[in-house]
C-alpha atoms as a PDB file:
ATOM      1  CA  MET A   1       0.000   0.000   0.000  1.00  0.00           C
ATOM      2  CA  THR A   2       1.406   3.406  -0.989  1.00  0.00           C
ATOM      3  CA  LYS A   3       1.555   6.093   1.680  1.00  0.00           C
ATOM      4  CA  ARG A   4       0.420   9.437   0.259  1.00  0.00           C
ATOM      5  CA  ASN A   5       0.908  13.003   1.411  1.00  0.00           C
ATOM      6  CA  ILE A   6      -2.486  14.269   2.548  1.00  0.00           C
ATOM      7  CA  HIS A   7      -3.115  18.011   2.799  1.00  0.00           C
ATOM      8  CA  TYR A   8      -5.480  19.337   5.442  1.00  0.00           C
ATOM      9  CA  SER A   9      -8.107  22.024   4.864  1.00  0.00           C
ATOM     10  CA  TYR A  10      -9.637  23.791   7.838  1.00  0.00           C
ATOM     11  CA  ASP A  11     -13.226  22.913   6.842  1.00  0.00           C
ATOM     12  CA  ASN A  12     -12.764  19.165   6.452  1.00  0.00           C
ATOM     13  CA  CYS A  13      -9.984  18.678   8.984  1.00  0.00           C
ATOM     14  CA  PHE A  14     -11.880  16.209  11.152  1.00  0.00           C
ATOM     15  CA  ALA A  15     -12.986  14.017   8.249  1.00  0.00           C
ATOM     16  CA  THR A  16      -9.491  13.994   6.804  1.00  0.00           C
ATOM     17  CA  LYS A  17      -7.936  13.061  10.133  1.00  0.00           C
ATOM     18  CA  VAL A  18     -10.313  10.118  10.376  1.00  0.00           C
ATOM     19  CA  SER A  19      -9.339   9.023   6.854  1.00  0.00           C
ATOM     20  CA  VAL A  20      -5.662   9.302   7.684  1.00  0.00           C
ATOM     21  CA  GLY A  21      -6.173   7.236  10.818  1.00  0.00           C
ATOM     22  CA  VAL A  22      -7.896   4.470   8.894  1.00  0.00           C
ATOM     23  CA  VAL A  23      -5.164   4.461   6.237  1.00  0.00           C
ATOM     24  CA  LEU A  24      -2.409   4.296   8.843  1.00  0.00           C
ATOM     25  CA  VAL A  25      -4.103   1.461  10.745  1.00  0.00           C
ATOM     26  CA  LEU A  26      -4.545  -0.533   7.533  1.00  0.00           C
ATOM     27  CA  TYR A  27      -0.964   0.168   6.467  1.00  0.00           C
ATOM     28  CA  HIS A  28       0.421  -0.884   9.846  1.00  0.00           C
ATOM     29  CA  ALA A  29      -1.582  -4.133   9.856  1.00  0.00           C
ATOM     30  CA  MET A  30      -0.517  -4.980   6.310  1.00  0.00           C
ATOM     31  CA  SER A  31       3.152  -4.163   6.902  1.00  0.00           C
ATOM     32  CA  SER A  32       3.286  -6.112  10.177  1.00  0.00           C
ATOM     33  CA  ARG A  33       2.222  -9.352   8.486  1.00  0.00           C
ATOM     34  CA  LYS A  34       5.291 -10.875   6.854  1.00  0.00           C
ATOM     35  CA  PHE A  35       4.602 -11.850   3.247  1.00  0.00           C
ATOM     36  CA  PHE A  36       4.368 -15.649   2.975  1.00  0.00           C
ATOM     37  CA  VAL A  37       5.001 -17.697  -0.165  1.00  0.00           C
ATOM     38  CA  GLY A  38       4.528 -21.453  -0.042  1.00  0.00           C
ATOM     39  CA  GLY A  39       5.319 -23.889  -2.832  1.00  0.00           C
ATOM     40  CA  ASN A  40       3.141 -27.008  -2.866  1.00  0.00           C
ATOM     41  CA  TRP A  41       4.824 -29.632  -5.042  1.00  0.00           C
ATOM     42  CA  LYS A  42       1.907 -32.054  -4.682  1.00  0.00           C
ATOM     43  CA  MET A  43       2.861 -35.518  -6.029  1.00  0.00           C
ATOM     44  CA  ASN A  44       5.708 -34.280  -8.214  1.00  0.00           C
ATOM     45  CA  GLY A  45       9.494 -34.395  -8.270  1.00  0.00           C
ATOM     46  CA  ASP A  46      12.316 -36.910  -8.609  1.00  0.00           C
ATOM     47  CA  SER A  47      15.954 -37.046  -7.539  1.00  0.00           C
ATOM     48  CA  LYS A  48      17.261 -35.153 -10.579  1.00  0.00           C
ATOM     49  CA  SER A  49      14.683 -32.363 -10.518  1.00  0.00           C
ATOM     50  CA  ILE A  50      15.067 -31.935  -6.763  1.00  0.00           C
ATOM     51  CA  GLU A  51      18.825 -31.398  -7.083  1.00  0.00           C
ATOM     52  CA  GLU A  52      18.187 -28.717  -9.711  1.00  0.00           C
ATOM     53  CA  TYR A  53      15.514 -27.062  -7.590  1.00  0.00           C
ATOM     54  CA  ILE A  54      17.627 -26.963  -4.430  1.00  0.00           C
ATOM     55  CA  LYS A  55      20.473 -25.413  -6.421  1.00  0.00           C
ATOM     56  CA  LEU A  56      18.099 -22.764  -7.766  1.00  0.00           C
ATOM     57  CA  LEU A  57      17.014 -21.710  -4.273  1.00  0.00           C
ATOM     58  CA  ASN A  58      20.445 -22.013  -2.677  1.00  0.00           C
ATOM     59  CA  ASP A  59      22.247 -20.056  -5.405  1.00  0.00           C
ATOM     60  CA  ASN A  60      19.859 -17.098  -5.458  1.00  0.00           C
ATOM     61  CA  THR A  61      19.614 -14.270  -2.951  1.00  0.00           C
ATOM     62  CA  LEU A  62      16.126 -14.479  -1.478  1.00  0.00           C
ATOM     63  CA  PRO A  63      14.340 -11.456   0.031  1.00  0.00           C
ATOM     64  CA  GLY A  64      14.543 -11.298   3.807  1.00  0.00           C
ATOM     65  CA  ASN A  65      11.092  -9.748   4.117  1.00  0.00           C
ATOM     66  CA  VAL A  66       9.354 -12.838   2.715  1.00  0.00           C
ATOM     67  CA  GLU A  67       8.780 -16.124   4.523  1.00  0.00           C
ATOM     68  CA  ILE A  68       9.446 -18.852   1.968  1.00  0.00           C
ATOM     69  CA  VAL A  69       8.276 -22.420   2.507  1.00  0.00           C
ATOM     70  CA  ILE A  70       8.329 -25.422   0.177  1.00  0.00           C
ATOM     71  CA  ALA A  71       6.225 -28.567   0.521  1.00  0.00           C
ATOM     72  CA  PRO A  72       7.747 -31.590  -1.265  1.00  0.00           C
ATOM     73  CA  PRO A  73       6.346 -35.138  -1.056  1.00  0.00           C
ATOM     74  CA  PHE A  74       6.987 -37.027   2.193  1.00  0.00           C
ATOM     75  CA  VAL A  75       9.785 -39.192   0.792  1.00  0.00           C
ATOM     76  CA  TYR A  76      12.025 -36.218  -0.026  1.00  0.00           C
ATOM     77  CA  LEU A  77      11.486 -34.088   3.090  1.00  0.00           C
ATOM     78  CA  GLU A  78      14.485 -35.126   5.182  1.00  0.00           C
ATOM     79  CA  ARG A  79      16.869 -35.100   2.235  1.00  0.00           C
ATOM     80  CA  ILE A  80      15.785 -31.619   1.190  1.00  0.00           C
ATOM     81  CA  ARG A  81      16.035 -30.239   4.718  1.00  0.00           C
ATOM     82  CA  LYS A  82      19.679 -31.336   4.897  1.00  0.00           C
ATOM     83  CA  GLN A  83      20.565 -29.679   1.586  1.00  0.00           C
ATOM     84  CA  LEU A  84      18.375 -26.568   1.543  1.00  0.00           C
ATOM     85  CA  LYS A  85      19.496 -23.239   2.996  1.00  0.00           C
ATOM     86  CA  PRO A  86      18.021 -22.699   6.496  1.00  0.00           C
ATOM     87  CA  ALA A  87      16.224 -19.519   5.431  1.00  0.00           C
ATOM     88  CA  VAL A  88      13.711 -21.593   3.461  1.00  0.00           C
ATOM     89  CA  GLY A  89      11.109 -23.364   5.584  1.00  0.00           C
ATOM     90  CA  LEU A  90       9.974 -26.925   5.001  1.00  0.00           C
ATOM     91  CA  SER A  91       6.372 -28.110   4.975  1.00  0.00           C
ATOM     92  CA  ALA A  92       4.674 -31.464   4.670  1.00  0.00           C
ATOM     93  CA  GLN A  93       1.504 -31.801   2.615  1.00  0.00           C
ATOM     94  CA  ASN A  94      -0.470 -33.747   5.216  1.00  0.00           C
ATOM     95  CA  CYS A  95      -0.331 -35.464   8.598  1.00  0.00           C
ATOM     96  CA  TYR A  96      -2.615 -37.716  10.631  1.00  0.00           C
ATOM     97  CA  LYS A  97      -4.867 -36.789  13.556  1.00  0.00           C
ATOM     98  CA  VAL A  98      -3.036 -38.813  16.244  1.00  0.00           C
ATOM     99  CA  GLU A  99       0.590 -39.102  17.336  1.00  0.00           C
ATOM    100  CA  LYS A 100       1.215 -42.819  16.803  1.00  0.00           C
ATOM    101  CA  GLY A 101      -0.449 -46.191  16.525  1.00  0.00           C
ATOM    102  CA  ALA A 102      -1.732 -48.843  14.135  1.00  0.00           C
ATOM    103  CA  PHE A 103      -2.534 -46.553  11.201  1.00  0.00           C
ATOM    104  CA  THR A 104      -0.829 -48.089   8.187  1.00  0.00           C
ATOM    105  CA  GLY A 105       0.403 -45.529   5.693  1.00  0.00           C
ATOM    106  CA  GLU A 106      -0.099 -42.495   7.921  1.00  0.00           C
ATOM    107  CA  VAL A 107       2.522 -40.015   9.158  1.00  0.00           C
ATOM    108  CA  SER A 108       2.236 -38.086  12.424  1.00  0.00           C
ATOM    109  CA  ALA A 109       2.974 -34.433  13.074  1.00  0.00           C
ATOM    110  CA  SER A 110       5.631 -35.334  15.644  1.00  0.00           C
ATOM    111  CA  MET A 111       7.443 -37.448  13.033  1.00  0.00           C
ATOM    112  CA  LEU A 112       7.460 -34.458  10.699  1.00  0.00           C
ATOM    113  CA  ARG A 113       8.931 -32.259  13.415  1.00  0.00           C
ATOM    114  CA  ASP A 114      11.542 -34.927  14.085  1.00  0.00           C
ATOM    115  CA  ILE A 115      12.906 -34.702  10.534  1.00  0.00           C
ATOM    116  CA  GLY A 116      12.961 -30.910  10.448  1.00  0.00           C
ATOM    117  CA  CYS A 117       9.577 -29.808   9.135  1.00  0.00           C
ATOM    118  CA  ASP A 118       8.294 -26.389  10.167  1.00  0.00           C
ATOM    119  CA  TRP A 119       4.829 -26.464   8.586  1.00  0.00           C
ATOM    120  CA  VAL A 120       2.106 -28.740   7.288  1.00  0.00           C
ATOM    121  CA  ILE A 121      -0.617 -28.069   4.712  1.00  0.00           C
ATOM    122  CA  LEU A 122      -4.049 -29.200   5.916  1.00  0.00           C
ATOM    123  CA  GLY A 123      -7.499 -29.020   4.353  1.00  0.00           C
ATOM    124  CA  HIS A 124      -6.307 -28.715   0.765  1.00  0.00           C
ATOM    125  CA  SER A 125      -9.204 -29.107  -1.657  1.00  0.00           C
ATOM    126  CA  GLU A 126      -7.611 -32.152  -3.283  1.00  0.00           C
ATOM    127  CA  ARG A 127      -7.778 -33.925   0.064  1.00  0.00           C
ATOM    128  CA  ARG A 128     -11.248 -32.613   0.890  1.00  0.00           C
ATOM    129  CA  HIS A 129     -12.817 -33.479  -2.460  1.00  0.00           C
ATOM    130  CA  ILE A 130     -10.745 -36.340  -3.913  1.00  0.00           C
ATOM    131  CA  LEU A 131      -9.946 -38.138  -0.646  1.00  0.00           C
ATOM    132  CA  HIS A 132     -13.190 -37.040   1.063  1.00  0.00           C
ATOM    133  CA  GLU A 133     -11.629 -35.561   4.196  1.00  0.00           C
ATOM    134  CA  SER A 134     -14.341 -33.979   6.327  1.00  0.00           C
ATOM    135  CA  ASP A 135     -14.170 -30.595   8.045  1.00  0.00           C
ATOM    136  CA  GLU A 136     -14.060 -32.438  11.368  1.00  0.00           C
ATOM    137  CA  LEU A 137     -11.090 -34.614  10.380  1.00  0.00           C
ATOM    138  CA  VAL A 138      -9.166 -31.617   9.067  1.00  0.00           C
ATOM    139  CA  ALA A 139      -9.794 -29.734  12.321  1.00  0.00           C
ATOM    140  CA  GLU A 140      -8.492 -32.679  14.354  1.00  0.00           C
ATOM    141  CA  LYS A 141      -5.331 -32.672  12.251  1.00  0.00           C
ATOM    142  CA  VAL A 142      -4.884 -28.926  12.754  1.00  0.00           C
ATOM    143  CA  SER A 143      -5.107 -29.318  16.521  1.00  0.00           C
ATOM    144  CA  ILE A 144      -2.573 -32.160  16.735  1.00  0.00           C
ATOM    145  CA  ALA A 145      -0.180 -30.425  14.317  1.00  0.00           C
ATOM    146  CA  LEU A 146      -0.133 -27.212  16.344  1.00  0.00           C
ATOM    147  CA  ASN A 147       0.300 -29.129  19.591  1.00  0.00           C
ATOM    148  CA  SER A 148       3.264 -30.934  18.016  1.00  0.00           C
ATOM    149  CA  GLY A 149       5.000 -27.659  17.192  1.00  0.00           C
ATOM    150  CA  LEU A 150       4.193 -27.340  13.499  1.00  0.00           C
ATOM    151  CA  GLY A 151       2.760 -24.266  11.855  1.00  0.00           C
ATOM    152  CA  VAL A 152      -0.385 -24.972   9.834  1.00  0.00           C
ATOM    153  CA  ILE A 153      -1.294 -23.754   6.360  1.00  0.00           C
ATOM    154  CA  PHE A 154      -5.071 -24.210   6.580  1.00  0.00           C
ATOM    155  CA  CYS A 155      -6.867 -24.233   3.230  1.00  0.00           C
ATOM    156  CA  VAL A 156     -10.417 -23.091   2.546  1.00  0.00           C
ATOM    157  CA  GLY A 157     -12.285 -22.486  -0.685  1.00  0.00           C
ATOM    158  CA  GLU A 158     -15.393 -23.047  -2.744  1.00  0.00           C
ATOM    159  CA  LYS A 159     -16.180 -25.103  -5.841  1.00  0.00           C
ATOM    160  CA  LEU A 160     -17.413 -23.462  -9.044  1.00  0.00           C
ATOM    161  CA  ASP A 161     -21.079 -24.322  -8.479  1.00  0.00           C
ATOM    162  CA  GLU A 162     -20.837 -22.914  -4.954  1.00  0.00           C
ATOM    163  CA  ARG A 163     -19.403 -19.631  -6.230  1.00  0.00           C
ATOM    164  CA  GLU A 164     -22.022 -19.382  -8.953  1.00  0.00           C
ATOM    165  CA  GLY A 165     -24.682 -20.115  -6.337  1.00  0.00           C
ATOM    166  CA  GLY A 166     -23.472 -17.279  -4.123  1.00  0.00           C
ATOM    167  CA  LYS A 167     -22.227 -19.659  -1.419  1.00  0.00           C
ATOM    168  CA  THR A 168     -18.536 -18.697  -1.275  1.00  0.00           C
ATOM    169  CA  LYS A 169     -18.838 -17.028   2.116  1.00  0.00           C
ATOM    170  CA  ASP A 170     -20.924 -19.885   3.563  1.00  0.00           C
ATOM    171  CA  VAL A 171     -18.434 -22.553   2.460  1.00  0.00           C
ATOM    172  CA  CYS A 172     -15.338 -20.740   3.717  1.00  0.00           C
ATOM    173  CA  PHE A 173     -16.985 -19.856   7.034  1.00  0.00           C
ATOM    174  CA  ARG A 174     -18.141 -23.455   7.546  1.00  0.00           C
ATOM    175  CA  GLN A 175     -14.627 -24.753   6.996  1.00  0.00           C
ATOM    176  CA  LEU A 176     -13.191 -22.151   9.377  1.00  0.00           C
ATOM    177  CA  ALA A 177     -15.856 -22.806  12.017  1.00  0.00           C
ATOM    178  CA  SER A 178     -14.714 -26.420  12.343  1.00  0.00           C
ATOM    179  CA  LEU A 179     -11.609 -25.099  14.134  1.00  0.00           C
ATOM    180  CA  LEU A 180     -13.563 -23.359  16.888  1.00  0.00           C
ATOM    181  CA  LYS A 181     -14.000 -26.644  18.754  1.00  0.00           C
ATOM    182  CA  TYR A 182     -10.313 -26.503  19.695  1.00  0.00           C
ATOM    183  CA  LYS A 183      -8.194 -24.003  21.585  1.00  0.00           C
ATOM    184  CA  LEU A 184      -5.675 -23.070  18.908  1.00  0.00           C
ATOM    185  CA  ASP A 185      -2.698 -20.745  18.652  1.00  0.00           C
ATOM    186  CA  TRP A 186      -3.761 -18.611  15.702  1.00  0.00           C
ATOM    187  CA  ASN A 187      -0.314 -17.023  15.566  1.00  0.00           C
ATOM    188  CA  ASN A 188       0.878 -20.285  14.008  1.00  0.00           C
ATOM    189  CA  ILE A 189      -1.893 -20.613  11.437  1.00  0.00           C
ATOM    190  CA  VAL A 190      -1.740 -19.255   7.894  1.00  0.00           C
ATOM    191  CA  ILE A 191      -5.096 -19.358   6.114  1.00  0.00           C
ATOM    192  CA  ALA A 192      -4.906 -20.141   2.401  1.00  0.00           C
ATOM    193  CA  TYR A 193      -7.941 -19.151   0.354  1.00  0.00           C
ATOM    194  CA  GLU A 194      -7.940 -21.463  -2.648  1.00  0.00           C
ATOM    195  CA  PRO A 195     -11.036 -21.335  -4.854  1.00  0.00           C
ATOM    196  CA  VAL A 196     -11.326 -24.915  -6.080  1.00  0.00           C
ATOM    197  CA  TRP A 197     -12.339 -23.771  -9.556  1.00  0.00           C
ATOM    198  CA  ALA A 198      -8.989 -21.971  -9.932  1.00  0.00           C
ATOM    199  CA  ILE A 199      -6.645 -24.763  -8.818  1.00  0.00           C
ATOM    200  CA  GLY A 200      -4.680 -26.223 -11.708  1.00  0.00           C
ATOM    201  CA  THR A 201      -7.209 -24.907 -14.235  1.00  0.00           C
ATOM    202  CA  GLY A 202      -5.419 -21.823 -15.482  1.00  0.00           C
ATOM    203  CA  LYS A 203      -8.350 -19.768 -14.190  1.00  0.00           C
ATOM    204  CA  THR A 204      -7.522 -17.260 -11.495  1.00  0.00           C
ATOM    205  CA  ALA A 205      -9.735 -15.224  -9.228  1.00  0.00           C
ATOM    206  CA  SER A 206      -9.327 -11.570 -10.122  1.00  0.00           C
ATOM    207  CA  PRO A 207      -7.404  -9.490  -7.576  1.00  0.00           C
ATOM    208  CA  GLU A 208     -10.709  -7.899  -6.588  1.00  0.00           C
ATOM    209  CA  GLN A 209     -12.467 -11.257  -6.158  1.00  0.00           C
ATOM    210  CA  ALA A 210      -9.637 -12.619  -4.036  1.00  0.00           C
ATOM    211  CA  GLN A 211      -9.418  -9.455  -1.929  1.00  0.00           C
ATOM    212  CA  GLU A 212     -13.167  -9.574  -1.258  1.00  0.00           C
ATOM    213  CA  VAL A 213     -12.972 -13.098   0.161  1.00  0.00           C
ATOM    214  CA  HIS A 214      -9.866 -12.268   2.191  1.00  0.00           C
ATOM    215  CA  VAL A 215     -11.740  -9.348   3.770  1.00  0.00           C
ATOM    216  CA  TRP A 216     -14.613 -11.696   4.634  1.00  0.00           C
ATOM    217  CA  ILE A 217     -12.195 -14.150   6.258  1.00  0.00           C
ATOM    218  CA  ARG A 218     -10.469 -11.412   8.245  1.00  0.00           C
ATOM    219  CA  ASP A 219     -13.831 -10.160   9.471  1.00  0.00           C
ATOM    220  CA  TRP A 220     -14.784 -13.732  10.435  1.00  0.00           C
ATOM    221  CA  LEU A 221     -11.614 -13.942  12.526  1.00  0.00           C
ATOM    222  CA  LYS A 222     -12.481 -10.672  14.240  1.00  0.00           C
ATOM    223  CA  GLN A 223     -16.009 -11.832  15.035  1.00  0.00           C
ATOM    224  CA  ASN A 224     -15.209 -15.424  16.045  1.00  0.00           C
ATOM    225  CA  VAL A 225     -11.617 -15.483  17.327  1.00  0.00           C
ATOM    226  CA  SER A 226     -10.298 -12.032  18.251  1.00  0.00           C
ATOM    227  CA  ALA A 227      -9.400  -8.647  16.816  1.00  0.00           C
ATOM    228  CA  ASP A 228      -5.761  -9.511  17.456  1.00  0.00           C
ATOM    229  CA  ALA A 229      -6.004 -12.706  15.396  1.00  0.00           C
ATOM    230  CA  ALA A 230      -7.745 -10.799  12.611  1.00  0.00           C
ATOM    231  CA  ALA A 231      -4.982  -8.201  12.503  1.00  0.00           C
ATOM    232  CA  LYS A 232      -2.064 -10.630  12.686  1.00  0.00           C
ATOM    233  CA  CYS A 233      -3.202 -13.785  10.861  1.00  0.00           C
ATOM    234  CA  ARG A 234      -1.799 -14.076   7.361  1.00  0.00           C
ATOM    235  CA  ILE A 235      -4.353 -14.890   4.685  1.00  0.00           C
ATOM    236  CA  ILE A 236      -2.739 -16.039   1.453  1.00  0.00           C
ATOM    237  CA  TYR A 237      -4.158 -16.804  -1.980  1.00  0.00           C
ATOM    238  CA  GLY A 238      -3.781 -19.979  -4.026  1.00  0.00           C
ATOM    239  CA  GLY A 239      -5.204 -20.873  -7.402  1.00  0.00           C
ATOM    240  CA  SER A 240      -3.144 -20.737 -10.612  1.00  0.00           C
ATOM    241  CA  VAL A 241      -0.726 -18.127  -9.234  1.00  0.00           C
ATOM    242  CA  THR A 242       1.981 -17.368 -11.801  1.00  0.00           C
ATOM    243  CA  GLY A 243       4.814 -14.973 -12.389  1.00  0.00           C
ATOM    244  CA  ASP A 244       2.464 -12.966 -14.604  1.00  0.00           C
ATOM    245  CA  ASN A 245      -0.405 -12.384 -12.162  1.00  0.00           C
ATOM    246  CA  CYS A 246       1.388 -12.390  -8.803  1.00  0.00           C
ATOM    247  CA  ARG A 247       2.099  -8.657  -8.613  1.00  0.00           C
ATOM    248  CA  ALA A 248      -1.509  -7.607  -9.227  1.00  0.00           C
ATOM    249  CA  LEU A 249      -2.686 -10.064  -6.577  1.00  0.00           C
ATOM    250  CA  GLY A 250       0.081  -9.065  -4.162  1.00  0.00           C
ATOM    251  CA  LYS A 251      -0.953  -5.403  -4.282  1.00  0.00           C
ATOM    252  CA  GLN A 252      -4.207  -6.195  -2.481  1.00  0.00           C
ATOM    253  CA  SER A 253      -4.043  -5.117   1.162  1.00  0.00           C
ATOM    254  CA  ASP A 254      -5.464  -8.352   2.603  1.00  0.00           C
ATOM    255  CA  ILE A 255      -3.516 -10.780   0.415  1.00  0.00           C
ATOM    256  CA  ASP A 256      -0.502 -11.666   2.556  1.00  0.00           C
ATOM    257  CA  GLY A 257       1.152 -14.071   0.146  1.00  0.00           C
ATOM    258  CA  PHE A 258       0.523 -17.142  -1.967  1.00  0.00           C
ATOM    259  CA  LEU A 259       0.257 -20.909  -1.894  1.00  0.00           C
ATOM    260  CA  VAL A 260       1.668 -21.839  -5.279  1.00  0.00           C
ATOM    261  CA  GLY A 261       1.121 -25.137  -7.074  1.00  0.00           C
ATOM    262  CA  GLY A 262       2.552 -25.860 -10.517  1.00  0.00           C
ATOM    263  CA  ALA A 263       4.595 -22.669 -10.749  1.00  0.00           C
ATOM    264  CA  SER A 264       6.459 -23.557  -7.549  1.00  0.00           C
ATOM    265  CA  LEU A 265       8.366 -26.207  -9.506  1.00  0.00           C
ATOM    266  CA  LYS A 266       9.607 -23.709 -12.089  1.00  0.00           C
ATOM    267  CA  PRO A 267      12.149 -20.866 -12.051  1.00  0.00           C
ATOM    268  CA  GLU A 268       9.225 -18.403 -12.085  1.00  0.00           C
ATOM    269  CA  PHE A 269       8.730 -19.273  -8.395  1.00  0.00           C
ATOM    270  CA  LEU A 270      11.531 -16.776  -7.745  1.00  0.00           C
ATOM    271  CA  LYS A 271       9.475 -14.077  -9.475  1.00  0.00           C
ATOM    272  CA  ILE A 272       6.460 -14.927  -7.324  1.00  0.00           C
ATOM    273  CA  ILE A 273       8.584 -14.657  -4.187  1.00  0.00           C
ATOM    274  CA  GLU A 274       9.451 -11.105  -5.302  1.00  0.00           C
ATOM    275  CA  ALA A 275       5.798 -10.175  -5.944  1.00  0.00           C
ATOM    276  CA  ARG A 276       5.700  -7.415  -3.347  1.00  0.00           C
ATOM    277  CA  SER A 277       9.287  -6.240  -3.738  1.00  0.00           C
ATOM    278  CA  ASN A 278      10.042  -2.870  -5.310  1.00  0.00           C
END
């Protein structure tokens, strides 16, 4: 957000002071939330491509005012953590709702912490809609992940028919409300708004559409969690983010970063990381 010089006139001094106050509050809130860019590799990558990708990140100077996190598949997490520069955070793409036990094929949050993970993505639409994870299951995972010391990238978003039916707000609020059952540290939650109709389709919500939903989510936090959580919680956008559209999206005051899919595996990820740089 650009700070402008505002000139006072005697007649409208009070109104102008109010406007300045609002602008300064919004600017302070926006600037206090560190820009967050996450790269979700999904089920992609192999030994050769990973070596090339690590070299790309390690050899480039990354902006210090951006929190950068990558989320490779489980099998590469420990290897990447050992090779990747410490400034880049590491995220898993999922975890289970309990710490240990007879759950073949599952991975616990404490195991992820043990191998150096900082974050975990939970509630992604591909797990909600393809693997039929319920709001309740996702909320259980969020609780156990936070208690295990991981930060959580919590995904919400509507399908195309839900947007066309005017249900975007209802869907996002329902998914968020599932978390209210638990006492959570919202300082360690990043909310990712990912309209399902824009994921991997080449379609992107316009900056104005994305900003509108982010404002709704921030207001929901204020009404249901706290004003402090609303001011501090980072709300990021995901859905066909590219090097071409990232700057327009990043200019929106309530878009605090991105969760990037396909483009996170390409050199243009560096351009997305720089979306809010001068």
